[in-house]
Amino acid sequence: MFRRREPVPFAFVAEADRFRSNVTPPPRQRASRAQLLGQSLITLTVVGGLVGALLFGVPALQQDSSGPSRVHQSEAHR
């Protein structure tokens, strides 16, 4: 049979909010010019793709109301 162990005191969890570390993390390194250029090119490519999709997609979604609507031959013989 298994013997139950004593319950573990969780007082340290309550003290976690009050705990402050005296170790500061190292400063973040600044991005190099090549990294900044690469990130900006990726951003421009994504934005350009979205704009291009809108330019080609919006006219395709508009209904053509300039002429009479075409009726398929199968519907005309009813």
Protein backbone atom coordinates (compact mmCIF):
# COMPACT_ATOMS: atom_id res chain seq x y z
CA MET A 1 0.00 0.00 0.00
CA PHE A 2 1.04 3.51 -0.65
CA ARG A 3 1.75 5.74 2.26
CA ARG A 4 0.63 9.33 1.97
CA ARG A 5 3.32 11.89 2.40
CA GLU A 6 2.92 14.96 4.51
CA PRO A 7 1.31 17.90 2.73
CA VAL A 8 3.78 20.35 1.26
CA PRO A 9 3.48 23.85 2.69
CA PHE A 10 2.77 26.35 -0.07
CA ALA A 11 3.66 29.47 1.86
CA PHE A 12 6.31 30.34 -0.74
CA VAL A 13 3.54 30.83 -3.33
CA ALA A 14 1.96 33.56 -1.21
CA GLU A 15 5.34 35.24 -0.83
CA ALA A 16 5.99 35.21 -4.59
CA ASP A 17 4.14 38.50 -5.07
CA ARG A 18 6.43 40.24 -2.62
CA PHE A 19 9.65 38.75 -3.97
CA ARG A 20 11.89 41.16 -5.87
CA SER A 21 15.01 40.03 -7.60
CA ASN A 22 18.18 42.06 -7.31
CA VAL A 23 19.50 40.62 -10.59
CA THR A 24 18.85 42.82 -13.59
CA PRO A 25 18.52 41.19 -17.01
CA PRO A 26 21.05 42.14 -19.67
CA PRO A 27 20.04 45.02 -21.93
CA ARG A 28 18.37 44.11 -25.22
CA GLN A 29 20.58 44.26 -28.25
CA ARG A 30 19.55 46.70 -30.93
CA ALA A 31 18.69 45.29 -34.32
CA SER A 32 21.34 45.70 -36.97
CA ARG A 33 20.72 47.57 -40.22
CA ALA A 34 20.41 44.31 -42.12
CA GLN A 35 17.76 43.04 -39.70
CA LEU A 36 15.82 46.31 -39.91
CA LEU A 37 16.00 46.25 -43.70
CA GLY A 38 14.83 42.64 -43.81
CA GLN A 39 11.91 43.32 -41.48
CA SER A 40 10.84 46.36 -43.48
CA LEU A 41 11.02 44.42 -46.76
CA ILE A 42 8.88 41.63 -45.33
CA THR A 43 6.37 44.20 -44.07
CA LEU A 44 6.23 45.95 -47.44
CA THR A 45 5.76 42.62 -49.23
CA VAL A 46 2.86 41.61 -46.98
CA VAL A 47 1.19 45.02 -47.23
CA GLY A 48 1.72 45.08 -51.01
CA GLY A 49 0.16 41.64 -51.33
CA LEU A 50 -2.90 42.69 -49.34
CA VAL A 51 -3.31 45.88 -51.38
CA GLY A 52 -2.91 43.93 -54.63
CA ALA A 53 -5.51 41.40 -53.50
CA LEU A 54 -7.92 44.23 -52.78
CA LEU A 55 -7.26 45.91 -56.13
CA PHE A 56 -7.94 42.71 -58.05
CA GLY A 57 -10.64 41.33 -55.78
CA VAL A 58 -12.98 44.29 -55.35
CA PRO A 59 -13.86 44.68 -59.06
CA ALA A 60 -14.49 40.94 -59.31
CA LEU A 61 -17.00 41.11 -56.45
CA GLN A 62 -19.05 43.94 -57.98
CA GLN A 63 -22.15 42.99 -59.91
CA ASP A 64 -22.39 44.07 -63.53
CA SER A 65 -25.56 46.14 -63.75
CA SER A 66 -24.83 47.76 -67.14
CA GLY A 67 -26.63 45.17 -69.27
CA PRO A 68 -29.45 42.69 -69.02
CA SER A 69 -28.75 39.63 -66.98
CA ARG A 70 -27.87 36.54 -68.94
CA VAL A 71 -30.07 33.51 -68.57
CA HIS A 72 -28.55 30.11 -69.04
CA GLN A 73 -30.03 28.03 -71.86
CA SER A 74 -31.21 25.34 -69.44
CA GLU A 75 -33.27 27.94 -67.57
CA ALA A 76 -34.68 29.51 -70.78
CA HIS A 77 -36.33 26.28 -71.97
CA ARG A 78 -38.56 25.85 -68.92
